[in-house]
N, C-alpha and C. Protein backbone atom coordinates (compact mmCIF):
# COMPACT_ATOMS: atom_id res chain seq x y z
N MET A 1 105.75 104.97 84.66
CA MET A 1 106.13 105.71 85.85
C MET A 1 105.43 105.09 87.05
N ALA A 2 106.14 104.99 88.14
CA ALA A 2 105.60 104.35 89.35
C ALA A 2 104.61 105.27 90.04
N ASN A 3 103.62 104.66 90.69
CA ASN A 3 102.63 105.41 91.46
C ASN A 3 103.20 105.63 92.86
N ASN A 4 103.41 106.87 93.24
CA ASN A 4 104.01 107.18 94.53
C ASN A 4 103.01 107.36 95.64
N ASP A 5 101.72 107.16 95.39
CA ASP A 5 100.70 107.36 96.42
C ASP A 5 100.91 106.47 97.63
N ARG A 6 101.47 105.29 97.45
CA ARG A 6 101.64 104.36 98.55
C ARG A 6 103.04 104.41 99.15
N CYS A 7 103.91 105.22 98.62
CA CYS A 7 105.28 105.29 99.11
C CYS A 7 105.38 106.17 100.33
N ASP A 8 106.26 105.76 101.25
CA ASP A 8 106.51 106.59 102.41
C ASP A 8 107.26 107.84 101.99
N ASP A 9 106.98 108.93 102.63
CA ASP A 9 107.64 110.19 102.35
C ASP A 9 107.91 110.84 103.70
N ASP A 10 109.14 110.65 104.21
CA ASP A 10 109.49 111.14 105.54
C ASP A 10 109.43 112.66 105.65
N ARG A 11 109.39 113.35 104.52
CA ARG A 11 109.36 114.81 104.57
C ARG A 11 108.00 115.34 104.96
N HIS A 12 106.97 114.49 104.91
CA HIS A 12 105.62 115.01 105.11
C HIS A 12 104.79 114.01 105.92
N GLU A 13 104.77 114.17 107.22
CA GLU A 13 103.92 113.33 108.08
C GLU A 13 102.52 113.91 108.09
N ILE A 14 101.53 113.08 107.88
CA ILE A 14 100.14 113.50 107.90
C ILE A 14 99.54 113.10 109.24
N GLU A 15 99.02 114.07 109.96
CA GLU A 15 98.37 113.80 111.24
C GLU A 15 96.86 113.72 111.04
N TYR A 16 96.25 112.73 111.68
CA TYR A 16 94.81 112.53 111.63
C TYR A 16 94.39 111.90 112.95
N SER A 17 93.11 111.70 113.18
CA SER A 17 92.68 111.08 114.43
C SER A 17 91.65 110.00 114.18
N VAL A 18 91.65 109.00 115.06
CA VAL A 18 90.67 107.93 115.04
C VAL A 18 90.10 107.83 116.46
N ASP A 19 88.81 108.04 116.58
CA ASP A 19 88.15 108.03 117.90
C ASP A 19 88.81 109.00 118.87
N GLY A 20 89.24 110.14 118.35
CA GLY A 20 89.84 111.17 119.18
C GLY A 20 91.30 110.95 119.53
N GLU A 21 91.86 109.83 119.11
CA GLU A 21 93.27 109.53 119.38
C GLU A 21 94.13 109.95 118.19
N PRO A 22 95.22 110.67 118.45
CA PRO A 22 96.06 111.12 117.34
C PRO A 22 96.78 109.95 116.66
N GLU A 23 96.85 110.02 115.36
CA GLU A 23 97.57 109.05 114.53
C GLU A 23 98.37 109.85 113.51
N HIS A 24 99.33 109.20 112.88
CA HIS A 24 100.10 109.86 111.83
C HIS A 24 100.60 108.83 110.83
N THR A 25 100.86 109.30 109.63
CA THR A 25 101.38 108.44 108.57
C THR A 25 102.20 109.27 107.60
N ALA A 26 103.14 108.60 106.96
CA ALA A 26 103.89 109.23 105.88
C ALA A 26 103.29 108.85 104.52
N LYS A 27 102.33 107.91 104.54
CA LYS A 27 101.69 107.49 103.29
C LYS A 27 100.60 108.47 102.90
N ARG A 28 100.49 108.74 101.63
CA ARG A 28 99.45 109.65 101.14
C ARG A 28 98.12 108.94 100.97
N VAL A 29 98.17 107.61 100.83
CA VAL A 29 96.96 106.82 100.67
C VAL A 29 97.00 105.64 101.62
N LEU A 30 95.92 105.44 102.37
CA LEU A 30 95.77 104.28 103.25
C LEU A 30 94.44 103.63 102.93
N THR A 31 94.36 102.33 103.13
CA THR A 31 93.06 101.67 103.00
C THR A 31 92.32 101.81 104.33
N VAL A 32 91.03 101.58 104.28
CA VAL A 32 90.22 101.61 105.50
C VAL A 32 90.79 100.60 106.49
N ARG A 33 91.14 99.42 106.01
CA ARG A 33 91.72 98.36 106.86
C ARG A 33 93.00 98.85 107.55
N GLU A 34 93.88 99.52 106.78
CA GLU A 34 95.14 100.02 107.35
C GLU A 34 94.87 101.05 108.45
N ILE A 35 93.93 101.94 108.22
CA ILE A 35 93.62 102.96 109.23
C ILE A 35 93.14 102.31 110.51
N LEU A 36 92.25 101.33 110.40
CA LEU A 36 91.74 100.64 111.58
C LEU A 36 92.85 99.88 112.30
N LYS A 37 93.66 99.16 111.56
CA LYS A 37 94.75 98.37 112.18
C LYS A 37 95.78 99.28 112.85
N ARG A 38 96.13 100.39 112.19
CA ARG A 38 97.10 101.33 112.78
C ARG A 38 96.58 101.90 114.10
N ALA A 39 95.25 101.99 114.22
CA ALA A 39 94.64 102.50 115.46
C ALA A 39 94.44 101.38 116.48
N GLY A 40 94.88 100.17 116.15
CA GLY A 40 94.76 99.05 117.08
C GLY A 40 93.36 98.46 117.15
N LEU A 41 92.58 98.65 116.09
CA LEU A 41 91.20 98.18 116.07
C LEU A 41 91.04 97.01 115.10
N ASP A 42 90.10 96.14 115.40
CA ASP A 42 89.84 94.96 114.59
C ASP A 42 88.89 95.31 113.46
N PRO A 43 89.35 95.24 112.21
CA PRO A 43 88.49 95.57 111.07
C PRO A 43 87.26 94.67 110.95
N LYS A 44 87.29 93.51 111.59
CA LYS A 44 86.13 92.61 111.55
C LYS A 44 85.02 93.07 112.50
N GLU A 45 85.39 93.95 113.44
CA GLU A 45 84.41 94.38 114.45
C GLU A 45 84.11 95.87 114.43
N ARG A 46 84.96 96.65 113.77
CA ARG A 46 84.78 98.11 113.77
C ARG A 46 84.60 98.62 112.36
N CYS A 47 83.74 99.62 112.19
CA CYS A 47 83.53 100.29 110.90
C CYS A 47 84.05 101.72 111.01
N LEU A 48 84.70 102.18 109.98
CA LEU A 48 85.29 103.51 109.96
C LEU A 48 84.32 104.52 109.38
N VAL A 49 84.26 105.69 110.02
CA VAL A 49 83.40 106.78 109.56
C VAL A 49 84.26 108.05 109.52
N LEU A 50 84.28 108.73 108.39
CA LEU A 50 84.97 110.01 108.25
C LEU A 50 84.02 111.12 108.65
N ILE A 51 84.49 112.00 109.52
CA ILE A 51 83.71 113.17 109.94
C ILE A 51 84.27 114.37 109.19
N LYS A 52 83.40 115.02 108.42
CA LYS A 52 83.81 116.19 107.64
C LYS A 52 82.78 117.28 107.90
N GLY A 53 83.11 118.19 108.82
CA GLY A 53 82.14 119.21 109.22
C GLY A 53 80.98 118.54 109.93
N LYS A 54 79.77 118.75 109.44
CA LYS A 54 78.60 118.11 110.04
C LYS A 54 78.21 116.84 109.30
N LYS A 55 78.99 116.47 108.30
CA LYS A 55 78.67 115.28 107.49
C LYS A 55 79.49 114.09 107.95
N GLN A 56 78.92 112.90 107.75
CA GLN A 56 79.58 111.65 108.08
C GLN A 56 79.59 110.76 106.84
N PHE A 57 80.74 110.14 106.57
CA PHE A 57 80.89 109.25 105.43
C PHE A 57 81.34 107.88 105.93
N SER A 58 80.46 106.89 105.83
CA SER A 58 80.74 105.56 106.33
C SER A 58 81.51 104.73 105.30
N TYR A 59 82.47 103.95 105.79
CA TYR A 59 83.23 103.03 104.95
C TYR A 59 82.88 101.58 105.31
N ARG A 60 81.67 101.37 105.79
CA ARG A 60 81.23 100.02 106.15
C ARG A 60 81.31 99.11 104.91
N ASP A 61 81.86 97.91 105.13
CA ASP A 61 82.00 96.90 104.07
C ASP A 61 82.89 97.36 102.92
N ARG A 62 83.79 98.30 103.18
CA ARG A 62 84.70 98.80 102.14
C ARG A 62 86.14 98.82 102.69
N LEU A 63 86.55 97.73 103.33
CA LEU A 63 87.85 97.68 104.02
C LEU A 63 89.04 97.93 103.11
N ASP A 64 88.94 97.56 101.86
CA ASP A 64 90.09 97.70 100.97
C ASP A 64 90.03 98.96 100.10
N GLU A 65 89.09 99.85 100.41
CA GLU A 65 88.99 101.10 99.66
C GLU A 65 90.12 102.05 100.07
N ASP A 66 90.73 102.68 99.08
CA ASP A 66 91.79 103.67 99.33
C ASP A 66 91.19 104.98 99.78
N ILE A 67 91.86 105.58 100.77
CA ILE A 67 91.48 106.92 101.23
C ILE A 67 92.71 107.80 101.08
N ARG A 68 92.56 108.86 100.32
CA ARG A 68 93.65 109.84 100.17
C ARG A 68 93.70 110.65 101.46
N MET A 69 94.84 110.58 102.13
CA MET A 69 94.98 111.19 103.45
C MET A 69 95.32 112.68 103.34
N HIS A 70 94.70 113.45 104.24
CA HIS A 70 94.94 114.89 104.35
C HIS A 70 95.14 115.23 105.82
N PRO A 71 95.97 116.21 106.13
CA PRO A 71 96.18 116.59 107.52
C PRO A 71 94.87 116.98 108.19
N GLY A 72 94.70 116.53 109.43
CA GLY A 72 93.54 116.92 110.22
C GLY A 72 92.29 116.08 110.00
N MET A 73 92.38 115.03 109.20
CA MET A 73 91.19 114.19 108.99
C MET A 73 90.75 113.59 110.32
N LYS A 74 89.43 113.51 110.50
CA LYS A 74 88.87 112.96 111.73
C LYS A 74 88.00 111.76 111.40
N PHE A 75 88.34 110.64 112.03
CA PHE A 75 87.57 109.42 111.86
C PHE A 75 87.03 108.99 113.21
N VAL A 76 85.88 108.36 113.20
CA VAL A 76 85.36 107.67 114.38
C VAL A 76 85.05 106.26 113.93
N THR A 77 84.89 105.37 114.89
CA THR A 77 84.52 104.00 114.56
C THR A 77 83.25 103.63 115.31
N VAL A 78 82.55 102.69 114.75
CA VAL A 78 81.35 102.15 115.38
C VAL A 78 81.45 100.63 115.34
N PHE A 79 80.85 99.98 116.32
CA PHE A 79 80.85 98.53 116.35
C PHE A 79 79.97 98.02 115.22
N CYS A 80 80.49 97.08 114.44
CA CYS A 80 79.71 96.50 113.37
C CYS A 80 79.94 95.00 113.27
N GLY A 81 80.45 94.43 114.37
CA GLY A 81 80.69 93.00 114.41
C GLY A 81 79.43 92.22 114.69
N PRO A 82 79.57 90.92 114.74
CA PRO A 82 78.40 90.08 115.01
C PRO A 82 77.89 90.28 116.43
N VAL A 83 76.59 90.25 116.57
CA VAL A 83 75.96 90.40 117.88
C VAL A 83 75.35 89.05 118.24
N PRO A 84 75.83 88.46 119.34
CA PRO A 84 75.28 87.16 119.72
C PRO A 84 73.83 87.29 120.16
N VAL A 85 73.04 86.30 119.81
CA VAL A 85 71.65 86.27 120.24
C VAL A 85 71.45 85.08 121.18
N SER A 86 70.56 85.23 122.11
CA SER A 86 70.36 84.14 123.08
C SER A 86 69.10 83.36 122.78
């Protein structure tokens, strides 16, 4: 039987936010990389953090990890790219 977690399902759009900007998907599972790219952010320079109540869950160095999407999820990003030194 096929795994439908990655299939689009037009009947159920999931709304979430990245850095306070609304995003949406029909996919039930997105990778960290996909979430960053959909928000127009460079995965090489930004790290994704899930905000759940007062807790924060970092996905640093886990770009290909699957995240099961739920309505209302809130993500923020932080700079994690290379910092030039003089």
